[in-house]
């Protein structure tokens, strides 16, 4: 995702993301970013949104995995530069891409959905380095193309989310002192540590 100004919205929307993002955008007097696949009437003067709710980094062959979002960005950038060179003043130029803030918020779905598929904690944790590797690869592609400002979100304690709490049988062995699923939160901490 690219943003012209210093403020930003999410790259990958979460369950609460759209409302949160709208409030964030309103609080800094920014318009909500138009999704890249729906460009009609948009100049993208405030940035572009490549986010897809629930997208993941793996597997790479699904419709809106992170690598697909990066390919969409590369196409958007190439087309924008082509149109600017042809005289269009309403799209982002090379300087705008260099000065943009690239916001990356992905990986949570990979980890939390692994638990939803009844994958044991040990296997989920073994999967995390591959997830983070995909995020780092995406950042490297954007960096190689001139991007220099990145805002990478970690994940929160998704073992406390009501949606996740309804998916498991609650026992004293799998809940922490706050009533959250301890293995989910432990995996979130591992994800954040590797992402760092």
N, C-alpha and C. Protein backbone atom coordinates (compact mmCIF):
# COMPACT_ATOMS: atom_id res chain seq x y z
N UNK A 1 0.84 -1.17 0.00
CA UNK A 1 0.00 0.00 0.00
C UNK A 1 0.88 1.23 0.00
N UNK A 2 0.50 2.23 -0.70
CA UNK A 2 1.29 3.44 -0.73
C UNK A 2 0.47 4.61 -0.22
N UNK A 3 1.14 5.49 0.46
CA UNK A 3 0.50 6.66 1.04
C UNK A 3 1.41 7.84 0.76
N UNK A 4 0.83 8.94 0.32
CA UNK A 4 1.64 10.12 0.04
C UNK A 4 2.05 10.83 1.32
N UNK A 5 1.12 11.00 2.24
CA UNK A 5 1.42 11.72 3.46
C UNK A 5 1.96 10.77 4.53
N UNK A 6 2.22 11.31 5.71
CA UNK A 6 2.82 10.53 6.78
C UNK A 6 1.81 9.60 7.44
N UNK A 7 0.53 9.94 7.43
CA UNK A 7 -0.46 9.07 8.05
C UNK A 7 -0.79 7.92 7.12
N UNK A 8 -1.41 6.86 7.67
CA UNK A 8 -1.59 5.66 6.87
C UNK A 8 -2.81 4.87 7.29
N UNK A 9 -3.20 3.98 6.43
CA UNK A 9 -4.24 3.01 6.70
C UNK A 9 -3.63 1.63 6.51
N UNK A 10 -4.33 0.59 6.90
CA UNK A 10 -3.78 -0.75 6.89
C UNK A 10 -3.56 -1.30 5.49
N UNK A 11 -2.57 -2.20 5.37
CA UNK A 11 -2.32 -2.94 4.14
C UNK A 11 -3.26 -4.12 4.06
N UNK A 12 -3.40 -4.83 5.12
CA UNK A 12 -4.27 -5.98 5.16
C UNK A 12 -5.30 -5.77 6.26
N UNK A 13 -6.55 -5.61 5.89
CA UNK A 13 -7.59 -5.33 6.87
C UNK A 13 -7.89 -6.55 7.72
N UNK A 14 -8.14 -6.32 8.98
CA UNK A 14 -8.53 -7.40 9.89
C UNK A 14 -10.02 -7.28 10.14
N UNK A 15 -10.53 -8.12 11.00
CA UNK A 15 -11.97 -8.12 11.26
C UNK A 15 -12.48 -6.75 11.71
N UNK A 16 -11.69 -6.02 12.47
CA UNK A 16 -12.11 -4.70 12.94
C UNK A 16 -11.51 -3.59 12.10
N UNK A 17 -10.71 -3.94 11.12
CA UNK A 17 -9.94 -2.97 10.36
C UNK A 17 -10.71 -1.88 9.65
N UNK A 18 -11.73 -2.21 8.84
CA UNK A 18 -12.36 -1.14 8.05
C UNK A 18 -12.89 0.01 8.88
N UNK A 19 -13.58 -0.28 10.00
CA UNK A 19 -14.11 0.80 10.83
C UNK A 19 -12.97 1.56 11.50
N UNK A 20 -11.97 0.84 11.98
CA UNK A 20 -10.82 1.48 12.61
C UNK A 20 -10.10 2.37 11.62
N UNK A 21 -9.91 1.86 10.41
CA UNK A 21 -9.20 2.62 9.39
C UNK A 21 -9.96 3.88 9.00
N UNK A 22 -11.28 3.76 8.89
CA UNK A 22 -12.09 4.91 8.54
C UNK A 22 -11.97 5.98 9.61
N UNK A 23 -12.02 5.56 10.88
CA UNK A 23 -11.87 6.53 11.97
C UNK A 23 -10.48 7.16 11.95
N UNK A 24 -9.45 6.36 11.70
CA UNK A 24 -8.09 6.90 11.61
C UNK A 24 -8.01 7.92 10.49
N UNK A 25 -8.54 7.57 9.34
CA UNK A 25 -8.51 8.48 8.20
C UNK A 25 -9.25 9.77 8.49
N UNK A 26 -10.42 9.67 9.14
CA UNK A 26 -11.19 10.86 9.47
C UNK A 26 -10.46 11.73 10.48
N UNK A 27 -9.74 11.10 11.41
CA UNK A 27 -9.08 11.87 12.45
C UNK A 27 -7.92 12.71 11.92
N UNK A 28 -7.39 12.36 10.77
CA UNK A 28 -6.31 13.15 10.17
C UNK A 28 -6.78 13.85 8.90
N UNK A 29 -8.11 13.99 8.78
CA UNK A 29 -8.71 14.66 7.63
C UNK A 29 -8.26 14.05 6.31
N UNK A 30 -8.23 12.75 6.26
CA UNK A 30 -7.84 12.02 5.06
C UNK A 30 -9.04 11.23 4.56
N UNK A 31 -9.14 11.12 3.25
CA UNK A 31 -10.21 10.30 2.70
C UNK A 31 -9.82 8.83 2.80
N UNK A 32 -10.83 7.97 2.83
CA UNK A 32 -10.58 6.53 2.84
C UNK A 32 -9.95 6.16 1.51
N UNK A 33 -8.94 5.33 1.54
CA UNK A 33 -8.24 4.97 0.32
C UNK A 33 -9.09 4.03 -0.52
N UNK A 34 -9.18 4.34 -1.80
CA UNK A 34 -9.91 3.49 -2.73
C UNK A 34 -9.14 2.19 -2.95
N UNK A 35 -9.84 1.07 -3.03
CA UNK A 35 -9.15 -0.18 -3.34
C UNK A 35 -8.58 -0.14 -4.76
N UNK A 36 -7.42 -0.68 -4.91
CA UNK A 36 -6.76 -0.71 -6.21
C UNK A 36 -7.63 -1.39 -7.28
N UNK A 37 -8.30 -2.52 -6.99
CA UNK A 37 -9.10 -3.16 -8.04
C UNK A 37 -10.34 -2.36 -8.44
N UNK A 38 -10.70 -1.31 -7.70
CA UNK A 38 -11.87 -0.49 -8.03
C UNK A 38 -11.43 0.95 -8.29
N UNK A 39 -10.71 1.19 -9.38
CA UNK A 39 -10.10 2.50 -9.58
C UNK A 39 -11.02 3.57 -10.16
N UNK A 40 -12.26 3.23 -10.52
CA UNK A 40 -13.11 4.20 -11.20
C UNK A 40 -13.27 5.47 -10.39
N UNK A 41 -12.95 6.58 -11.01
CA UNK A 41 -13.12 7.87 -10.38
C UNK A 41 -12.07 8.25 -9.37
N UNK A 42 -11.07 7.43 -9.19
CA UNK A 42 -10.05 7.72 -8.19
C UNK A 42 -8.78 8.23 -8.84
N UNK A 43 -8.17 9.21 -8.20
CA UNK A 43 -6.88 9.71 -8.69
C UNK A 43 -5.74 9.08 -7.92
N UNK A 44 -6.03 8.42 -6.82
CA UNK A 44 -5.03 7.82 -5.95
C UNK A 44 -4.05 8.87 -5.43
N UNK A 45 -4.48 10.13 -5.39
CA UNK A 45 -3.59 11.20 -4.94
C UNK A 45 -3.23 11.07 -3.46
N UNK A 46 -4.02 10.32 -2.73
CA UNK A 46 -3.76 10.13 -1.30
C UNK A 46 -3.21 8.74 -1.00
N UNK A 47 -3.03 7.93 -2.05
CA UNK A 47 -2.51 6.59 -1.87
C UNK A 47 -3.42 5.55 -2.50
N UNK A 48 -3.04 4.31 -2.36
CA UNK A 48 -3.81 3.20 -2.91
C UNK A 48 -3.87 2.08 -1.89
N UNK A 49 -4.95 1.33 -1.94
CA UNK A 49 -5.19 0.26 -0.97
C UNK A 49 -5.20 -1.08 -1.70
N UNK A 50 -4.27 -1.95 -1.36
CA UNK A 50 -4.19 -3.28 -1.96
C UNK A 50 -4.69 -4.34 -0.99
N UNK A 51 -5.32 -3.94 0.08
CA UNK A 51 -5.74 -4.85 1.15
C UNK A 51 -6.90 -5.73 0.72
N UNK A 52 -6.90 -6.94 1.26
CA UNK A 52 -8.00 -7.87 1.07
C UNK A 52 -8.26 -8.51 2.43
N UNK A 53 -9.48 -8.39 2.91
CA UNK A 53 -9.83 -8.93 4.23
C UNK A 53 -9.52 -10.42 4.27
N UNK A 54 -8.81 -10.84 5.30
CA UNK A 54 -8.54 -12.25 5.51
C UNK A 54 -7.46 -12.83 4.62
N UNK A 55 -6.73 -12.00 3.89
CA UNK A 55 -5.69 -12.55 3.03
C UNK A 55 -4.52 -13.05 3.86
N UNK A 56 -3.70 -13.86 3.22
CA UNK A 56 -2.60 -14.49 3.94
C UNK A 56 -1.32 -14.41 3.11
N UNK A 57 -0.25 -14.85 3.68
CA UNK A 57 1.01 -14.91 2.93
C UNK A 57 1.16 -16.25 2.23
N UNK A 58 0.61 -17.29 2.82
CA UNK A 58 0.71 -18.65 2.28
C UNK A 58 -0.68 -19.27 2.23
N UNK A 59 -0.99 -20.14 1.29
CA UNK A 59 -0.13 -20.49 0.16
C UNK A 59 -0.09 -19.36 -0.85
N UNK A 60 0.96 -19.34 -1.62
CA UNK A 60 1.17 -18.25 -2.57
C UNK A 60 0.23 -18.34 -3.78
N UNK A 61 -0.45 -19.46 -3.97
CA UNK A 61 -1.28 -19.63 -5.16
C UNK A 61 -2.75 -19.29 -4.94
N UNK A 62 -3.10 -18.71 -3.80
CA UNK A 62 -4.49 -18.30 -3.60
C UNK A 62 -4.71 -16.92 -4.21
N UNK A 63 -5.95 -16.57 -4.42
CA UNK A 63 -6.30 -15.39 -5.20
C UNK A 63 -5.67 -14.09 -4.70
N UNK A 64 -5.70 -13.82 -3.41
CA UNK A 64 -5.17 -12.55 -2.92
C UNK A 64 -4.11 -12.73 -1.85
N UNK A 65 -3.23 -13.67 -2.04
CA UNK A 65 -2.10 -13.84 -1.12
C UNK A 65 -1.20 -12.61 -1.23
N UNK A 66 -0.30 -12.46 -0.30
CA UNK A 66 0.58 -11.29 -0.26
C UNK A 66 1.34 -11.11 -1.57
N UNK A 67 1.85 -12.19 -2.15
CA UNK A 67 2.61 -12.04 -3.39
C UNK A 67 1.73 -11.49 -4.51
N UNK A 68 0.45 -11.82 -4.53
CA UNK A 68 -0.47 -11.28 -5.53
C UNK A 68 -0.68 -9.79 -5.29
N UNK A 69 -0.81 -9.39 -4.02
CA UNK A 69 -0.96 -7.98 -3.70
C UNK A 69 0.28 -7.19 -4.13
N UNK A 70 1.45 -7.78 -3.96
CA UNK A 70 2.69 -7.11 -4.39
C UNK A 70 2.71 -6.99 -5.91
N UNK A 71 2.29 -8.03 -6.62
CA UNK A 71 2.23 -7.95 -8.08
C UNK A 71 1.24 -6.88 -8.53
N UNK A 72 0.11 -6.76 -7.83
CA UNK A 72 -0.85 -5.70 -8.15
C UNK A 72 -0.21 -4.33 -7.93
N UNK A 73 0.53 -4.18 -6.85
CA UNK A 73 1.22 -2.91 -6.59
C UNK A 73 2.21 -2.60 -7.70
N UNK A 74 3.01 -3.58 -8.10
CA UNK A 74 4.00 -3.36 -9.16
C UNK A 74 3.32 -2.95 -10.46
N UNK A 75 2.19 -3.57 -10.77
CA UNK A 75 1.44 -3.19 -11.97
C UNK A 75 0.91 -1.77 -11.84
N UNK A 76 0.35 -1.45 -10.67
CA UNK A 76 -0.16 -0.10 -10.42
C UNK A 76 0.94 0.94 -10.57
N UNK A 77 2.10 0.65 -10.01
CA UNK A 77 3.22 1.59 -10.09
C UNK A 77 3.66 1.78 -11.53
N UNK A 78 3.85 0.69 -12.26
CA UNK A 78 4.28 0.78 -13.66
C UNK A 78 3.27 1.56 -14.49
N UNK A 79 2.00 1.27 -14.29
CA UNK A 79 0.95 1.97 -15.05
C UNK A 79 0.89 3.45 -14.67
N UNK A 80 1.02 3.75 -13.39
CA UNK A 80 1.01 5.15 -12.95
C UNK A 80 2.15 5.93 -13.58
N UNK A 81 3.35 5.36 -13.54
CA UNK A 81 4.52 6.04 -14.11
C UNK A 81 4.37 6.21 -15.61
N UNK A 82 3.80 5.22 -16.26
CA UNK A 82 3.56 5.30 -17.70
C UNK A 82 2.59 6.43 -18.03
N UNK A 83 1.51 6.54 -17.26
CA UNK A 83 0.51 7.59 -17.51
C UNK A 83 1.05 8.97 -17.15
N UNK A 84 1.84 9.06 -16.09
CA UNK A 84 2.46 10.35 -15.74
C UNK A 84 3.40 10.79 -16.85
N UNK A 85 4.18 9.85 -17.39
CA UNK A 85 5.10 10.17 -18.49
C UNK A 85 4.34 10.62 -19.74
N UNK A 86 3.09 10.14 -19.88
CA UNK A 86 2.27 10.52 -21.03
C UNK A 86 1.51 11.82 -20.79
N UNK A 87 1.71 12.43 -19.61
CA UNK A 87 1.11 13.73 -19.35
C UNK A 87 -0.02 13.76 -18.35
N UNK A 88 -0.39 12.64 -17.78
CA UNK A 88 -1.45 12.63 -16.78
C UNK A 88 -0.89 13.17 -15.47
N UNK A 89 -1.51 14.19 -14.94
CA UNK A 89 -1.03 14.79 -13.70
C UNK A 89 -1.78 14.31 -12.47
N UNK A 90 -2.65 13.33 -12.64
CA UNK A 90 -3.50 12.91 -11.53
C UNK A 90 -3.05 11.62 -10.86
N UNK A 91 -1.95 11.07 -11.30
CA UNK A 91 -1.47 9.83 -10.68
C UNK A 91 -0.14 10.09 -9.99
N UNK A 92 0.34 9.08 -9.32
CA UNK A 92 1.58 9.22 -8.55
C UNK A 92 2.79 9.12 -9.45
N UNK A 93 3.74 10.01 -9.23
CA UNK A 93 4.99 9.98 -10.00
C UNK A 93 6.06 9.23 -9.22
N UNK A 94 7.25 9.12 -9.80
CA UNK A 94 8.33 8.36 -9.17
C UNK A 94 8.68 8.89 -7.79
N UNK A 95 8.69 10.20 -7.64
CA UNK A 95 9.01 10.79 -6.33
C UNK A 95 7.97 10.41 -5.29
N UNK A 96 6.71 10.39 -5.68
CA UNK A 96 5.64 10.00 -4.74
C UNK A 96 5.83 8.55 -4.28
N UNK A 97 6.23 7.68 -5.19
CA UNK A 97 6.49 6.29 -4.80
C UNK A 97 7.70 6.19 -3.88
N UNK A 98 8.72 6.99 -4.14
CA UNK A 98 9.92 6.97 -3.28
C UNK A 98 9.61 7.51 -1.88
N UNK A 99 8.75 8.51 -1.79
CA UNK A 99 8.44 9.15 -0.51
C UNK A 99 7.25 8.53 0.21
N UNK A 100 6.62 7.55 -0.39
CA UNK A 100 5.42 6.94 0.18
C UNK A 100 5.73 6.16 1.45
N UNK A 101 4.71 6.02 2.26
CA UNK A 101 4.78 5.15 3.43
C UNK A 101 4.09 3.84 3.05
N UNK A 102 4.80 2.75 3.13
CA UNK A 102 4.27 1.43 2.78
C UNK A 102 3.88 0.71 4.07
N UNK A 103 2.60 0.44 4.20
CA UNK A 103 2.07 -0.15 5.42
C UNK A 103 1.79 -1.63 5.17
N UNK A 104 2.41 -2.47 5.98
CA UNK A 104 2.26 -3.92 5.84
C UNK A 104 1.59 -4.45 7.10
N UNK A 105 0.43 -5.09 6.93
CA UNK A 105 -0.29 -5.67 8.06
C UNK A 105 -0.85 -7.01 7.60
N UNK A 106 -0.06 -8.03 7.70
CA UNK A 106 -0.46 -9.35 7.22
C UNK A 106 0.29 -10.40 8.03
N UNK A 107 -0.22 -11.61 8.02
CA UNK A 107 0.40 -12.72 8.73
C UNK A 107 -0.47 -13.27 9.84
N UNK A 108 -1.33 -12.43 10.39
CA UNK A 108 -2.19 -12.86 11.48
C UNK A 108 -3.12 -13.99 11.02
N UNK A 109 -3.65 -13.86 9.81
CA UNK A 109 -4.55 -14.89 9.28
C UNK A 109 -3.83 -16.22 9.14
N UNK A 110 -2.58 -16.17 8.67
CA UNK A 110 -1.81 -17.41 8.53
C UNK A 110 -1.72 -18.15 9.86
N UNK A 111 -1.43 -17.41 10.91
CA UNK A 111 -1.23 -18.02 12.22
C UNK A 111 -2.57 -18.46 12.83
N UNK A 112 -3.53 -17.55 12.87
CA UNK A 112 -4.80 -17.89 13.53
C UNK A 112 -5.58 -18.95 12.77
N UNK A 113 -5.55 -18.93 11.44
CA UNK A 113 -6.26 -19.95 10.68
C UNK A 113 -5.63 -21.33 10.83
N UNK A 114 -4.34 -21.37 11.11
CA UNK A 114 -3.70 -22.66 11.36
C UNK A 114 -4.32 -23.33 12.58
N UNK A 115 -4.58 -22.53 13.61
CA UNK A 115 -5.26 -23.07 14.79
C UNK A 115 -6.70 -23.48 14.44
N UNK A 116 -7.37 -22.68 13.61
CA UNK A 116 -8.74 -22.99 13.23
C UNK A 116 -8.82 -24.30 12.46
N UNK A 117 -7.73 -24.68 11.82
CA UNK A 117 -7.66 -25.96 11.09
C UNK A 117 -7.16 -27.09 11.99
N UNK A 118 -7.19 -26.85 13.29
CA UNK A 118 -6.78 -27.83 14.30
C UNK A 118 -5.32 -28.23 14.22
N UNK A 119 -4.49 -27.34 13.72
CA UNK A 119 -3.06 -27.60 13.71
C UNK A 119 -2.54 -27.42 15.14
N UNK A 120 -1.73 -28.34 15.64
CA UNK A 120 -1.21 -28.17 17.00
C UNK A 120 -0.22 -27.01 17.09
N UNK A 121 -0.09 -26.48 18.29
CA UNK A 121 0.78 -25.32 18.54
C UNK A 121 2.17 -25.50 17.94
N UNK A 122 2.77 -26.66 18.13
CA UNK A 122 4.14 -26.89 17.65
C UNK A 122 4.23 -26.72 16.14
N UNK A 123 3.23 -27.20 15.39
CA UNK A 123 3.23 -27.05 13.93
C UNK A 123 2.98 -25.60 13.52
N UNK A 124 2.11 -24.92 14.25
CA UNK A 124 1.84 -23.51 13.95
C UNK A 124 3.13 -22.71 14.09
N UNK A 125 3.85 -22.93 15.17
CA UNK A 125 5.09 -22.20 15.42
C UNK A 125 6.14 -22.52 14.34
N UNK A 126 6.17 -23.76 13.87
CA UNK A 126 7.11 -24.12 12.80
C UNK A 126 6.77 -23.43 11.48
N UNK A 127 5.52 -23.07 11.29
CA UNK A 127 5.06 -22.40 10.06
C UNK A 127 5.41 -20.90 10.07
N UNK A 128 5.54 -20.31 11.24
CA UNK A 128 5.70 -18.86 11.37
C UNK A 128 6.92 -18.31 10.61
N UNK A 129 8.10 -18.93 10.65
CA UNK A 129 9.23 -18.38 9.88
C UNK A 129 8.94 -18.26 8.38
N UNK A 130 8.18 -19.20 7.82
CA UNK A 130 7.82 -19.11 6.39
C UNK A 130 6.90 -17.93 6.13
N UNK A 131 5.98 -17.69 7.05
CA UNK A 131 5.06 -16.55 6.93
C UNK A 131 5.85 -15.25 6.97
N UNK A 132 6.73 -15.11 7.94
CA UNK A 132 7.53 -13.89 8.08
C UNK A 132 8.47 -13.73 6.89
N UNK A 133 8.98 -14.82 6.37
CA UNK A 133 9.84 -14.76 5.18
C UNK A 133 9.10 -14.15 4.00
N UNK A 134 7.83 -14.50 3.83
CA UNK A 134 7.03 -13.92 2.75
C UNK A 134 6.85 -12.41 2.94
N UNK A 135 6.66 -11.99 4.18
CA UNK A 135 6.52 -10.56 4.48
C UNK A 135 7.82 -9.84 4.16
N UNK A 136 8.94 -10.41 4.58
CA UNK A 136 10.24 -9.80 4.29
C UNK A 136 10.51 -9.75 2.80
N UNK A 137 10.11 -10.78 2.06
CA UNK A 137 10.28 -10.77 0.60
C UNK A 137 9.48 -9.64 -0.04
N UNK A 138 8.25 -9.44 0.43
CA UNK A 138 7.41 -8.37 -0.10
C UNK A 138 8.05 -7.01 0.16
N UNK A 139 8.56 -6.82 1.36
CA UNK A 139 9.23 -5.56 1.70
C UNK A 139 10.45 -5.37 0.82
N UNK A 140 11.21 -6.43 0.58
CA UNK A 140 12.42 -6.33 -0.25
C UNK A 140 12.07 -5.94 -1.68
N UNK A 141 10.99 -6.49 -2.22
CA UNK A 141 10.57 -6.14 -3.58
C UNK A 141 10.24 -4.65 -3.66
N UNK A 142 9.50 -4.16 -2.68
CA UNK A 142 9.14 -2.73 -2.68
C UNK A 142 10.38 -1.88 -2.47
N UNK A 143 11.26 -2.31 -1.59
CA UNK A 143 12.52 -1.58 -1.34
C UNK A 143 13.36 -1.53 -2.61
N UNK A 144 13.48 -2.65 -3.29
CA UNK A 144 14.25 -2.68 -4.54
C UNK A 144 13.67 -1.76 -5.59
N UNK A 145 12.37 -1.50 -5.50
CA UNK A 145 11.71 -0.59 -6.42
C UNK A 145 11.75 0.86 -5.97
N UNK A 146 12.45 1.16 -4.89
CA UNK A 146 12.61 2.54 -4.45
C UNK A 146 11.92 2.91 -3.16
N UNK A 147 11.04 2.05 -2.64
CA UNK A 147 10.36 2.35 -1.38
C UNK A 147 11.34 2.36 -0.22
N UNK A 148 11.21 3.33 0.66
CA UNK A 148 12.14 3.43 1.78
C UNK A 148 11.46 3.56 3.14
N UNK A 149 10.19 3.85 3.16
CA UNK A 149 9.48 4.06 4.43
C UNK A 149 8.46 2.94 4.61
N UNK A 150 8.65 2.17 5.67
CA UNK A 150 7.78 1.03 5.92
C UNK A 150 7.23 1.09 7.34
N UNK A 151 5.99 0.71 7.46
CA UNK A 151 5.33 0.58 8.75
C UNK A 151 4.78 -0.84 8.78
N UNK A 152 5.39 -1.70 9.57
CA UNK A 152 5.01 -3.11 9.60
C UNK A 152 4.32 -3.39 10.93
N UNK A 153 3.07 -3.82 10.84
CA UNK A 153 2.29 -4.14 12.04
C UNK A 153 2.63 -5.53 12.53
N UNK A 154 2.69 -5.66 13.84
CA UNK A 154 2.76 -7.01 14.40
C UNK A 154 1.33 -7.47 14.65
N UNK A 155 1.16 -8.51 15.42
CA UNK A 155 -0.20 -8.99 15.69
C UNK A 155 -0.51 -8.85 17.18
N UNK A 156 -1.77 -8.76 17.46
CA UNK A 156 -2.20 -8.67 18.85
C UNK A 156 -2.49 -10.05 19.42
N UNK A 157 -3.01 -10.08 20.63
CA UNK A 157 -3.30 -11.35 21.30
C UNK A 157 -4.60 -11.96 20.76
N UNK A 158 -4.52 -12.60 19.59
CA UNK A 158 -5.76 -13.09 18.98
C UNK A 158 -6.39 -14.24 19.77
N UNK A 159 -5.70 -14.75 20.78
CA UNK A 159 -6.31 -15.73 21.67
C UNK A 159 -7.35 -15.13 22.59
N UNK A 160 -7.48 -13.81 22.56
CA UNK A 160 -8.49 -13.11 23.37
C UNK A 160 -9.69 -12.69 22.53
N UNK A 161 -9.63 -12.88 21.23
CA UNK A 161 -10.74 -12.46 20.37
C UNK A 161 -11.96 -13.36 20.59
N UNK A 162 -13.14 -12.78 20.75
CA UNK A 162 -14.34 -13.58 20.96
C UNK A 162 -14.54 -14.66 19.89
N UNK A 163 -14.26 -14.31 18.65
CA UNK A 163 -14.41 -15.28 17.57
C UNK A 163 -13.56 -16.52 17.84
N UNK A 164 -12.32 -16.32 18.26
CA UNK A 164 -11.42 -17.45 18.52
C UNK A 164 -11.84 -18.20 19.79
N UNK A 165 -12.31 -17.47 20.77
CA UNK A 165 -12.73 -18.11 22.02
C UNK A 165 -13.92 -19.05 21.83
N UNK A 166 -14.73 -18.80 20.81
CA UNK A 166 -15.87 -19.68 20.55
C UNK A 166 -15.47 -20.94 19.80
N UNK A 167 -14.24 -21.00 19.33
CA UNK A 167 -13.81 -22.11 18.49
C UNK A 167 -13.17 -23.26 19.25
N UNK A 168 -12.89 -23.07 20.52
CA UNK A 168 -12.22 -24.13 21.28
C UNK A 168 -12.99 -24.41 22.57
N UNK A 169 -12.81 -25.61 23.05
CA UNK A 169 -13.37 -25.95 24.35
C UNK A 169 -12.49 -25.29 25.41
N UNK A 170 -13.11 -24.56 26.29
CA UNK A 170 -12.35 -23.83 27.30
C UNK A 170 -12.10 -24.71 28.52
N UNK A 171 -10.82 -24.91 28.81
CA UNK A 171 -10.43 -25.68 29.99
C UNK A 171 -9.37 -24.88 30.74
N UNK A 172 -9.15 -25.24 31.97
CA UNK A 172 -8.12 -24.53 32.75
C UNK A 172 -6.73 -24.73 32.15
N UNK A 173 -6.54 -25.80 31.38
CA UNK A 173 -5.24 -26.06 30.76
C UNK A 173 -4.95 -25.15 29.57
N UNK A 174 -6.00 -24.75 28.82
CA UNK A 174 -5.72 -23.97 27.61
C UNK A 174 -6.06 -22.48 27.73
N UNK A 175 -6.50 -22.04 28.90
CA UNK A 175 -6.79 -20.62 29.10
C UNK A 175 -5.78 -20.00 30.06
N UNK A 176 -5.45 -18.74 29.80
CA UNK A 176 -4.57 -18.04 30.73
C UNK A 176 -5.40 -17.38 31.82
N UNK A 177 -4.78 -16.62 32.67
CA UNK A 177 -5.49 -16.02 33.81
C UNK A 177 -6.51 -14.96 33.39
N UNK A 178 -6.43 -14.51 32.12
CA UNK A 178 -7.39 -13.52 31.61
C UNK A 178 -8.55 -14.17 30.87
N UNK A 179 -8.51 -15.51 30.76
CA UNK A 179 -9.55 -16.22 30.03
C UNK A 179 -9.30 -16.29 28.54
N UNK A 180 -8.07 -16.04 28.13
CA UNK A 180 -7.69 -16.09 26.71
C UNK A 180 -7.00 -17.42 26.41
N UNK A 181 -7.01 -17.82 25.16
CA UNK A 181 -6.39 -19.07 24.76
C UNK A 181 -4.88 -18.88 24.77
N UNK A 182 -4.22 -19.51 25.70
CA UNK A 182 -2.79 -19.27 25.92
C UNK A 182 -1.93 -19.69 24.74
N UNK A 183 -2.23 -20.79 24.07
CA UNK A 183 -1.39 -21.22 22.95
C UNK A 183 -1.49 -20.24 21.78
N UNK A 184 -2.66 -19.68 21.54
CA UNK A 184 -2.82 -18.70 20.47
C UNK A 184 -1.97 -17.46 20.76
N UNK A 185 -2.04 -16.99 22.00
CA UNK A 185 -1.27 -15.80 22.36
C UNK A 185 0.23 -16.08 22.36
N UNK A 186 0.61 -17.29 22.73
CA UNK A 186 2.03 -17.65 22.68
C UNK A 186 2.52 -17.64 21.23
N UNK A 187 1.70 -18.15 20.31
CA UNK A 187 2.06 -18.12 18.89
C UNK A 187 2.14 -16.69 18.38
N UNK A 188 1.24 -15.83 18.84
CA UNK A 188 1.29 -14.41 18.44
C UNK A 188 2.59 -13.78 18.90
N UNK A 189 3.04 -14.12 20.11
CA UNK A 189 4.32 -13.58 20.60
C UNK A 189 5.49 -14.09 19.76
N UNK A 190 5.45 -15.37 19.37
CA UNK A 190 6.51 -15.93 18.51
C UNK A 190 6.51 -15.20 17.16
N UNK A 191 5.33 -15.00 16.59
CA UNK A 191 5.21 -14.27 15.32
C UNK A 191 5.84 -12.88 15.44
N UNK A 192 5.47 -12.16 16.48
CA UNK A 192 5.99 -10.80 16.67
C UNK A 192 7.50 -10.79 16.86
N UNK A 193 8.02 -11.75 17.58
CA UNK A 193 9.46 -11.81 17.82
C UNK A 193 10.22 -12.09 16.52
N UNK A 194 9.73 -13.02 15.71
CA UNK A 194 10.40 -13.33 14.45
C UNK A 194 10.25 -12.17 13.47
N UNK A 195 9.10 -11.52 13.48
CA UNK A 195 8.86 -10.38 12.59
C UNK A 195 9.79 -9.22 12.90
N UNK A 196 10.16 -9.09 14.17
CA UNK A 196 11.01 -7.99 14.61
C UNK A 196 12.31 -8.00 13.85
